[in-house]
Amino acid sequence: MALTIALACLVLTVILTLYRVLRGPTWGDRITALDFLSTALAVLIVLVSLKTGQSSYLDAALIVSILGFLSTVALARYLLGGRVMK
């Protein structure tokens, strides 16, 4: 029961955060929302893994977390300096 409520809350969080990513007034808001979106998706995948009992989803959650972090760093570097790589 609690797991189902947590899943519903996270789905709502993902939808609202996706709205902020698409509609954010500044690029800083969009980058912050994108970082939070990747975290929320990773937690959502972990909760689905707990609900279904399949531990293979945890690898996907780890990949989503790593890609979310790297995309946040790359976007921030691009906005600050105009380049991602030196």
PDB file of N, CA and C in Angstrom:
ATOM      1  N   MET A   1       0.817  -1.200   0.000  1.00  0.00           N
ATOM      2  CA  MET A   1       0.000   0.000   0.000  1.00  0.00           C
ATOM      3  C   MET A   1       0.858   1.260   0.000  1.00  0.00           C
ATOM      4  N   ALA A   2       1.829   1.317   0.904  1.00  0.00           N
ATOM      5  CA  ALA A   2       2.688   2.500   0.988  1.00  0.00           C
ATOM      6  C   ALA A   2       3.547   2.635  -0.270  1.00  0.00           C
ATOM      7  N   LEU A   3       3.950   1.507  -0.828  1.00  0.00           N
ATOM      8  CA  LEU A   3       4.758   1.544  -2.048  1.00  0.00           C
ATOM      9  C   LEU A   3       3.953   2.084  -3.228  1.00  0.00           C
ATOM     10  N   THR A   4       2.693   1.748  -3.296  1.00  0.00           N
ATOM     11  CA  THR A   4       1.825   2.246  -4.359  1.00  0.00           C
ATOM     12  C   THR A   4       1.601   3.748  -4.221  1.00  0.00           C
ATOM     13  N   ILE A   5       1.427   4.222  -3.001  1.00  0.00           N
ATOM     14  CA  ILE A   5       1.261   5.661  -2.774  1.00  0.00           C
ATOM     15  C   ILE A   5       2.544   6.404  -3.135  1.00  0.00           C
ATOM     16  N   ALA A   6       3.687   5.832  -2.768  1.00  0.00           N
ATOM     17  CA  ALA A   6       4.970   6.453  -3.114  1.00  0.00           C
ATOM     18  C   ALA A   6       5.162   6.509  -4.623  1.00  0.00           C
ATOM     19  N   LEU A   7       4.782   5.458  -5.323  1.00  0.00           N
ATOM     20  CA  LEU A   7       4.880   5.454  -6.785  1.00  0.00           C
ATOM     21  C   LEU A   7       3.986   6.526  -7.407  1.00  0.00           C
ATOM     22  N   ALA A   8       2.778   6.667  -6.892  1.00  0.00           N
ATOM     23  CA  ALA A   8       1.858   7.679  -7.423  1.00  0.00           C
ATOM     24  C   ALA A   8       2.400   9.085  -7.177  1.00  0.00           C
ATOM     25  N   CYS A   9       2.951   9.312  -5.997  1.00  0.00           N
ATOM     26  CA  CYS A   9       3.526  10.631  -5.694  1.00  0.00           C
ATOM     27  C   CYS A   9       4.725  10.928  -6.596  1.00  0.00           C
ATOM     28  N   LEU A  10       5.553   9.914  -6.846  1.00  0.00           N
ATOM     29  CA  LEU A  10       6.708  10.132  -7.708  1.00  0.00           C
ATOM     30  C   LEU A  10       6.311  10.366  -9.159  1.00  0.00           C
ATOM     31  N   VAL A  11       5.285   9.697  -9.620  1.00  0.00           N
ATOM     32  CA  VAL A  11       4.809   9.946 -10.986  1.00  0.00           C
ATOM     33  C   VAL A  11       4.304  11.379 -11.112  1.00  0.00           C
ATOM     34  N   LEU A  12       3.583  11.849 -10.110  1.00  0.00           N
ATOM     35  CA  LEU A  12       3.129  13.238 -10.109  1.00  0.00           C
ATOM     36  C   LEU A  12       4.317  14.202 -10.065  1.00  0.00           C
ATOM     37  N   THR A  13       5.320  13.868  -9.277  1.00  0.00           N
ATOM     38  CA  THR A  13       6.524  14.692  -9.202  1.00  0.00           C
ATOM     39  C   THR A  13       7.229  14.758 -10.548  1.00  0.00           C
ATOM     40  N   VAL A  14       7.332  13.630 -11.228  1.00  0.00           N
ATOM     41  CA  VAL A  14       7.993  13.596 -12.542  1.00  0.00           C
ATOM     42  C   VAL A  14       7.221  14.447 -13.545  1.00  0.00           C
ATOM     43  N   ILE A  15       5.912  14.376 -13.521  1.00  0.00           N
ATOM     44  CA  ILE A  15       5.098  15.164 -14.461  1.00  0.00           C
ATOM     45  C   ILE A  15       5.270  16.659 -14.202  1.00  0.00           C
ATOM     46  N   LEU A  16       5.216  17.060 -12.940  1.00  0.00           N
ATOM     47  CA  LEU A  16       5.365  18.481 -12.613  1.00  0.00           C
ATOM     48  C   LEU A  16       6.775  18.996 -12.905  1.00  0.00           C
ATOM     49  N   THR A  17       7.770  18.152 -12.664  1.00  0.00           N
ATOM     50  CA  THR A  17       9.143  18.557 -12.950  1.00  0.00           C
ATOM     51  C   THR A  17       9.383  18.641 -14.454  1.00  0.00           C
ATOM     52  N   LEU A  18       8.790  17.746 -15.203  1.00  0.00           N
ATOM     53  CA  LEU A  18       8.902  17.813 -16.660  1.00  0.00           C
ATOM     54  C   LEU A  18       8.288  19.096 -17.197  1.00  0.00           C
ATOM     55  N   TYR A  19       7.199  19.526 -16.590  1.00  0.00           N
ATOM     56  CA  TYR A  19       6.601  20.803 -16.968  1.00  0.00           C
ATOM     57  C   TYR A  19       7.587  21.945 -16.716  1.00  0.00           C
ATOM     58  N   ARG A  20       8.307  21.915 -15.588  1.00  0.00           N
ATOM     59  CA  ARG A  20       9.263  22.977 -15.271  1.00  0.00           C
ATOM     60  C   ARG A  20      10.452  22.927 -16.219  1.00  0.00           C
ATOM     61  N   VAL A  21      10.849  21.741 -16.645  1.00  0.00           N
ATOM     62  CA  VAL A  21      11.958  21.639 -17.601  1.00  0.00           C
ATOM     63  C   VAL A  21      11.555  22.266 -18.928  1.00  0.00           C
ATOM     64  N   LEU A  22      10.347  22.013 -19.373  1.00  0.00           N
ATOM     65  CA  LEU A  22       9.907  22.534 -20.664  1.00  0.00           C
ATOM     66  C   LEU A  22       9.521  24.005 -20.604  1.00  0.00           C
ATOM     67  N   ARG A  23       9.069  24.479 -19.459  1.00  0.00           N
ATOM     68  CA  ARG A  23       8.467  25.798 -19.371  1.00  0.00           C
ATOM     69  C   ARG A  23       9.226  26.777 -18.474  1.00  0.00           C
ATOM     70  N   GLY A  24      10.367  26.340 -17.913  1.00  0.00           N
ATOM     71  CA  GLY A  24      11.098  27.168 -16.954  1.00  0.00           C
ATOM     72  C   GLY A  24      11.417  28.547 -17.497  1.00  0.00           C
ATOM     73  N   PRO A  25      11.320  29.566 -16.651  1.00  0.00           N
ATOM     74  CA  PRO A  25      11.579  30.916 -17.152  1.00  0.00           C
ATOM     75  C   PRO A  25      13.050  31.168 -17.483  1.00  0.00           C
ATOM     76  N   THR A  26      13.964  30.532 -16.773  1.00  0.00           N
ATOM     77  CA  THR A  26      15.390  30.738 -17.061  1.00  0.00           C
ATOM     78  C   THR A  26      16.063  29.388 -17.291  1.00  0.00           C
ATOM     79  N   TRP A  27      17.269  29.449 -17.839  1.00  0.00           N
ATOM     80  CA  TRP A  27      18.016  28.219 -18.070  1.00  0.00           C
ATOM     81  C   TRP A  27      18.438  27.579 -16.762  1.00  0.00           C
ATOM     82  N   GLY A  28      18.701  28.393 -15.749  1.00  0.00           N
ATOM     83  CA  GLY A  28      19.060  27.849 -14.441  1.00  0.00           C
ATOM     84  C   GLY A  28      17.942  27.016 -13.848  1.00  0.00           C
ATOM     85  N   ASP A  29      16.703  27.494 -14.001  1.00  0.00           N
ATOM     86  CA  ASP A  29      15.553  26.723 -13.531  1.00  0.00           C
ATOM     87  C   ASP A  29      15.423  25.407 -14.280  1.00  0.00           C
ATOM     88  N   ARG A  30      15.666  25.450 -15.566  1.00  0.00           N
ATOM     89  CA  ARG A  30      15.551  24.235 -16.378  1.00  0.00           C
ATOM     90  C   ARG A  30      16.629  23.214 -16.019  1.00  0.00           C
ATOM     91  N   ILE A  31      17.849  23.680 -15.776  1.00  0.00           N
ATOM     92  CA  ILE A  31      18.930  22.758 -15.415  1.00  0.00           C
ATOM     93  C   ILE A  31      18.663  22.137 -14.049  1.00  0.00           C
ATOM     94  N   THR A  32      18.207  22.957 -13.111  1.00  0.00           N
ATOM     95  CA  THR A  32      17.881  22.443 -11.784  1.00  0.00           C
ATOM     96  C   THR A  32      16.746  21.424 -11.863  1.00  0.00           C
ATOM     97  N   ALA A  33      15.729  21.722 -12.653  1.00  0.00           N
ATOM     98  CA  ALA A  33      14.609  20.795 -12.815  1.00  0.00           C
ATOM     99  C   ALA A  33      15.057  19.513 -13.505  1.00  0.00           C
ATOM    100  N   LEU A  34      15.955  19.626 -14.462  1.00  0.00           N
ATOM    101  CA  LEU A  34      16.464  18.439 -15.149  1.00  0.00           C
ATOM    102  C   LEU A  34      17.251  17.552 -14.185  1.00  0.00           C
ATOM    103  N   ASP A  35      18.028  18.169 -13.315  1.00  0.00           N
ATOM    104  CA  ASP A  35      18.767  17.406 -12.313  1.00  0.00           C
ATOM    105  C   ASP A  35      17.797  16.702 -11.363  1.00  0.00           C
ATOM    106  N   PHE A  36      16.771  17.408 -10.916  1.00  0.00           N
ATOM    107  CA  PHE A  36      15.782  16.802 -10.033  1.00  0.00           C
ATOM    108  C   PHE A  36      14.989  15.714 -10.752  1.00  0.00           C
ATOM    109  N   LEU A  37      14.731  15.922 -12.042  1.00  0.00           N
ATOM    110  CA  LEU A  37      14.003  14.926 -12.825  1.00  0.00           C
ATOM    111  C   LEU A  37      14.784  13.619 -12.920  1.00  0.00           C
ATOM    112  N   SER A  38      16.085  13.713 -13.139  1.00  0.00           N
ATOM    113  CA  SER A  38      16.882  12.487 -13.221  1.00  0.00           C
ATOM    114  C   SER A  38      16.911  11.768 -11.874  1.00  0.00           C
ATOM    115  N   THR A  39      16.958  12.526 -10.783  1.00  0.00           N
ATOM    116  CA  THR A  39      16.925  11.909  -9.459  1.00  0.00           C
ATOM    117  C   THR A  39      15.576  11.238  -9.206  1.00  0.00           C
ATOM    118  N   ALA A  40      14.497  11.926  -9.550  1.00  0.00           N
ATOM    119  CA  ALA A  40      13.161  11.367  -9.346  1.00  0.00           C
ATOM    120  C   ALA A  40      12.947  10.118 -10.200  1.00  0.00           C
ATOM    121  N   LEU A  41      13.468  10.123 -11.416  1.00  0.00           N
ATOM    122  CA  LEU A  41      13.337   8.932 -12.270  1.00  0.00           C
ATOM    123  C   LEU A  41      14.129   7.756 -11.710  1.00  0.00           C
ATOM    124  N   ALA A  42      15.309   8.039 -11.161  1.00  0.00           N
ATOM    125  CA  ALA A  42      16.100   6.963 -10.561  1.00  0.00           C
ATOM    126  C   ALA A  42      15.364   6.366  -9.357  1.00  0.00           C
ATOM    127  N   VAL A  43      14.781   7.213  -8.531  1.00  0.00           N
ATOM    128  CA  VAL A  43      14.027   6.720  -7.379  1.00  0.00           C
ATOM    129  C   VAL A  43      12.789   5.955  -7.845  1.00  0.00           C
ATOM    130  N   LEU A  44      12.151   6.438  -8.900  1.00  0.00           N
ATOM    131  CA  LEU A  44      10.988   5.744  -9.446  1.00  0.00           C
ATOM    132  C   LEU A  44      11.361   4.341  -9.927  1.00  0.00           C
ATOM    133  N   ILE A  45      12.499   4.220 -10.582  1.00  0.00           N
ATOM    134  CA  ILE A  45      12.955   2.911 -11.051  1.00  0.00           C
ATOM    135  C   ILE A  45      13.269   1.995  -9.873  1.00  0.00           C
ATOM    136  N   VAL A  46      13.857   2.543  -8.815  1.00  0.00           N
ATOM    137  CA  VAL A  46      14.148   1.735  -7.623  1.00  0.00           C
ATOM    138  C   VAL A  46      12.851   1.245  -6.979  1.00  0.00           C
ATOM    139  N   LEU A  47      11.842   2.116  -6.910  1.00  0.00           N
ATOM    140  CA  LEU A  47      10.566   1.691  -6.330  1.00  0.00           C
ATOM    141  C   LEU A  47       9.874   0.630  -7.184  1.00  0.00           C
ATOM    142  N   VAL A  48       9.975   0.754  -8.493  1.00  0.00           N
ATOM    143  CA  VAL A  48       9.420  -0.287  -9.378  1.00  0.00           C
ATOM    144  C   VAL A  48      10.176  -1.593  -9.166  1.00  0.00           C
ATOM    145  N   SER A  49      11.481  -1.503  -8.954  1.00  0.00           N
ATOM    146  CA  SER A  49      12.273  -2.696  -8.676  1.00  0.00           C
ATOM    147  C   SER A  49      11.838  -3.358  -7.373  1.00  0.00           C
ATOM    148  N   LEU A  50      11.550  -2.555  -6.367  1.00  0.00           N
ATOM    149  CA  LEU A  50      11.062  -3.107  -5.107  1.00  0.00           C
ATOM    150  C   LEU A  50       9.689  -3.740  -5.260  1.00  0.00           C
ATOM    151  N   LYS A  51       8.834  -3.100  -6.041  1.00  0.00           N
ATOM    152  CA  LYS A  51       7.469  -3.600  -6.212  1.00  0.00           C
ATOM    153  C   LYS A  51       7.435  -4.908  -7.005  1.00  0.00           C
ATOM    154  N   THR A  52       8.276  -4.995  -8.041  1.00  0.00           N
ATOM    155  CA  THR A  52       8.275  -6.195  -8.878  1.00  0.00           C
ATOM    156  C   THR A  52       9.203  -7.282  -8.354  1.00  0.00           C
ATOM    157  N   GLY A  53      10.180  -6.911  -7.533  1.00  0.00           N
ATOM    158  CA  GLY A  53      11.118  -7.892  -7.006  1.00  0.00           C
ATOM    159  C   GLY A  53      12.254  -8.230  -7.939  1.00  0.00           C
ATOM    160  N   GLN A  54      12.437  -7.462  -9.000  1.00  0.00           N
ATOM    161  CA  GLN A  54      13.515  -7.714  -9.950  1.00  0.00           C
ATOM    162  C   GLN A  54      14.657  -6.744  -9.686  1.00  0.00           C
ATOM    163  N   SER A  55      15.804  -7.292  -9.372  1.00  0.00           N
ATOM    164  CA  SER A  55      16.943  -6.439  -9.049  1.00  0.00           C
ATOM    165  C   SER A  55      17.660  -5.911 -10.290  1.00  0.00           C
ATOM    166  N   SER A  56      17.290  -6.384 -11.459  1.00  0.00           N
ATOM    167  CA  SER A  56      17.948  -5.905 -12.681  1.00  0.00           C
ATOM    168  C   SER A  56      17.593  -4.454 -12.985  1.00  0.00           C
ATOM    169  N   TYR A  57      16.490  -3.972 -12.437  1.00  0.00           N
ATOM    170  CA  TYR A  57      16.129  -2.566 -12.631  1.00  0.00           C
ATOM    171  C   TYR A  57      17.079  -1.619 -11.905  1.00  0.00           C
ATOM    172  N   LEU A  58      17.764  -2.119 -10.906  1.00  0.00           N
ATOM    173  CA  LEU A  58      18.678  -1.262 -10.152  1.00  0.00           C
ATOM    174  C   LEU A  58      19.844  -0.789 -11.009  1.00  0.00           C
ATOM    175  N   ASP A  59      20.257  -1.601 -11.970  1.00  0.00           N
ATOM    176  CA  ASP A  59      21.297  -1.184 -12.907  1.00  0.00           C
ATOM    177  C   ASP A  59      20.812  -0.007 -13.754  1.00  0.00           C
ATOM    178  N   ALA A  60      19.572  -0.067 -14.173  1.00  0.00           N
ATOM    179  CA  ALA A  60      19.008   1.040 -14.955  1.00  0.00           C
ATOM    180  C   ALA A  60      18.930   2.304 -14.116  1.00  0.00           C
ATOM    181  N   ALA A  61      18.606   2.179 -12.838  1.00  0.00           N
ATOM    182  CA  ALA A  61      18.547   3.345 -11.957  1.00  0.00           C
ATOM    183  C   ALA A  61      19.935   3.965 -11.800  1.00  0.00           C
ATOM    184  N   LEU A  62      20.939   3.138 -11.710  1.00  0.00           N
ATOM    185  CA  LEU A  62      22.306   3.643 -11.605  1.00  0.00           C
ATOM    186  C   LEU A  62      22.724   4.380 -12.874  1.00  0.00           C
ATOM    187  N   ILE A  63      22.371   3.849 -14.021  1.00  0.00           N
ATOM    188  CA  ILE A  63      22.703   4.496 -15.289  1.00  0.00           C
ATOM    189  C   ILE A  63      21.975   5.827 -15.427  1.00  0.00           C
ATOM    190  N   VAL A  64      20.706   5.879 -15.037  1.00  0.00           N
ATOM    191  CA  VAL A  64      19.949   7.136 -15.096  1.00  0.00           C
ATOM    192  C   VAL A  64      20.582   8.175 -14.174  1.00  0.00           C
ATOM    193  N   SER A  65      21.032   7.760 -13.009  1.00  0.00           N
ATOM    194  CA  SER A  65      21.665   8.685 -12.072  1.00  0.00           C
ATOM    195  C   SER A  65      22.965   9.252 -12.640  1.00  0.00           C
ATOM    196  N   ILE A  66      23.776   8.391 -13.213  1.00  0.00           N
ATOM    197  CA  ILE A  66      25.055   8.836 -13.773  1.00  0.00           C
ATOM    198  C   ILE A  66      24.827   9.767 -14.960  1.00  0.00           C
ATOM    199  N   LEU A  67      23.909   9.409 -15.841  1.00  0.00           N
ATOM    200  CA  LEU A  67      23.628  10.262 -17.001  1.00  0.00           C
ATOM    201  C   LEU A  67      23.017  11.600 -16.578  1.00  0.00           C
ATOM    202  N   GLY A  68      22.192  11.593 -15.555  1.00  0.00           N
ATOM    203  CA  GLY A  68      21.622  12.840 -15.057  1.00  0.00           C
ATOM    204  C   GLY A  68      22.689  13.762 -14.504  1.00  0.00           C
ATOM    205  N   PHE A  69      23.624  13.213 -13.751  1.00  0.00           N
ATOM    206  CA  PHE A  69      24.707  14.025 -13.209  1.00  0.00           C
ATOM    207  C   PHE A  69      25.575  14.594 -14.318  1.00  0.00           C
ATOM    208  N   LEU A  70      25.950  13.749 -15.276  1.00  0.00           N
ATOM    209  CA  LEU A  70      26.808  14.213 -16.365  1.00  0.00           C
ATOM    210  C   LEU A  70      26.121  15.261 -17.236  1.00  0.00           C
ATOM    211  N   SER A  71      24.832  15.102 -17.476  1.00  0.00           N
ATOM    212  CA  SER A  71      24.125  16.093 -18.282  1.00  0.00           C
ATOM    213  C   SER A  71      23.999  17.419 -17.542  1.00  0.00           C
ATOM    214  N   THR A  72      23.821  17.378 -16.233  1.00  0.00           N
ATOM    215  CA  THR A  72      23.754  18.618 -15.457  1.00  0.00           C
ATOM    216  C   THR A  72      25.090  19.353 -15.500  1.00  0.00           C
ATOM    217  N   VAL A  73      26.167  18.632 -15.323  1.00  0.00           N
ATOM    218  CA  VAL A  73      27.490  19.254 -15.369  1.00  0.00           C
ATOM    219  C   VAL A  73      27.782  19.810 -16.767  1.00  0.00           C
ATOM    220  N   ALA A  74      27.445  19.053 -17.800  1.00  0.00           N
ATOM    221  CA  ALA A  74      27.704  19.506 -19.165  1.00  0.00           C
ATOM    222  C   ALA A  74      26.888  20.749 -19.510  1.00  0.00           C
ATOM    223  N   LEU A  75      25.618  20.783 -19.135  1.00  0.00           N
ATOM    224  CA  LEU A  75      24.800  21.961 -19.419  1.00  0.00           C
ATOM    225  C   LEU A  75      25.270  23.184 -18.647  1.00  0.00           C
ATOM    226  N   ALA A  76      25.667  22.993 -17.399  1.00  0.00           N
ATOM    227  CA  ALA A  76      26.160  24.118 -16.605  1.00  0.00           C
ATOM    228  C   ALA A  76      27.464  24.664 -17.184  1.00  0.00           C
ATOM    229  N   ARG A  77      28.356  23.775 -17.594  1.00  0.00           N
ATOM    230  CA  ARG A  77      29.615  24.246 -18.202  1.00  0.00           C
ATOM    231  C   ARG A  77      29.351  24.959 -19.519  1.00  0.00           C
ATOM    232  N   TYR A  78      28.407  24.467 -20.287  1.00  0.00           N
ATOM    233  CA  TYR A  78      28.089  25.107 -21.560  1.00  0.00           C
ATOM    234  C   TYR A  78      27.519  26.503 -21.350  1.00  0.00           C
ATOM    235  N   LEU A  79      26.645  26.641 -20.382  1.00  0.00           N
ATOM    236  CA  LEU A  79      26.046  27.952 -20.131  1.00  0.00           C
ATOM    237  C   LEU A  79      27.046  28.933 -19.529  1.00  0.00           C
ATOM    238  N   LEU A  80      27.983  28.461 -18.729  1.00  0.00           N
ATOM    239  CA  LEU A  80      28.959  29.360 -18.116  1.00  0.00           C
ATOM    240  C   LEU A  80      30.060  29.760 -19.073  1.00  0.00           C
ATOM    241  N   GLY A  81      30.543  28.827 -19.889  1.00  0.00           N
ATOM    242  CA  GLY A  81      31.679  29.143 -20.737  1.00  0.00           C
ATOM    243  C   GLY A  81      31.451  28.987 -22.211  1.00  0.00           C
ATOM    244  N   GLY A  82      30.347  28.428 -22.615  1.00  0.00           N
ATOM    245  CA  GLY A  82      30.073  28.254 -24.031  1.00  0.00           C
ATOM    246  C   GLY A  82      30.679  26.995 -24.607  1.00  0.00           C
ATOM    247  N   ARG A  83      31.455  26.267 -23.798  1.00  0.00           N
ATOM    248  CA  ARG A  83      32.071  25.019 -24.257  1.00  0.00           C
ATOM    249  C   ARG A  83      31.906  23.974 -23.180  1.00  0.00           C
ATOM    250  N   VAL A  84      31.797  22.724 -23.598  1.00  0.00           N
ATOM    251  CA  VAL A  84      31.702  21.625 -22.645  1.00  0.00           C
ATOM    252  C   VAL A  84      33.072  21.034 -22.379  1.00  0.00           C
ATOM    253  N   MET A  85      33.857  20.828 -23.430  1.00  0.00           N
ATOM    254  CA  MET A  85      35.188  20.251 -23.308  1.00  0.00           C
ATOM    255  C   MET A  85      36.221  21.350 -23.536  1.00  0.00           C
ATOM    256  N   LYS A  86      37.380  21.180 -22.923  1.00  0.00           N
ATOM    257  CA  LYS A  86      38.462  22.162 -23.131  1.00  0.00           C
ATOM    258  C   LYS A  86      39.267  21.823 -24.338  1.00  0.00           C
TER     259      LYS A  86
END
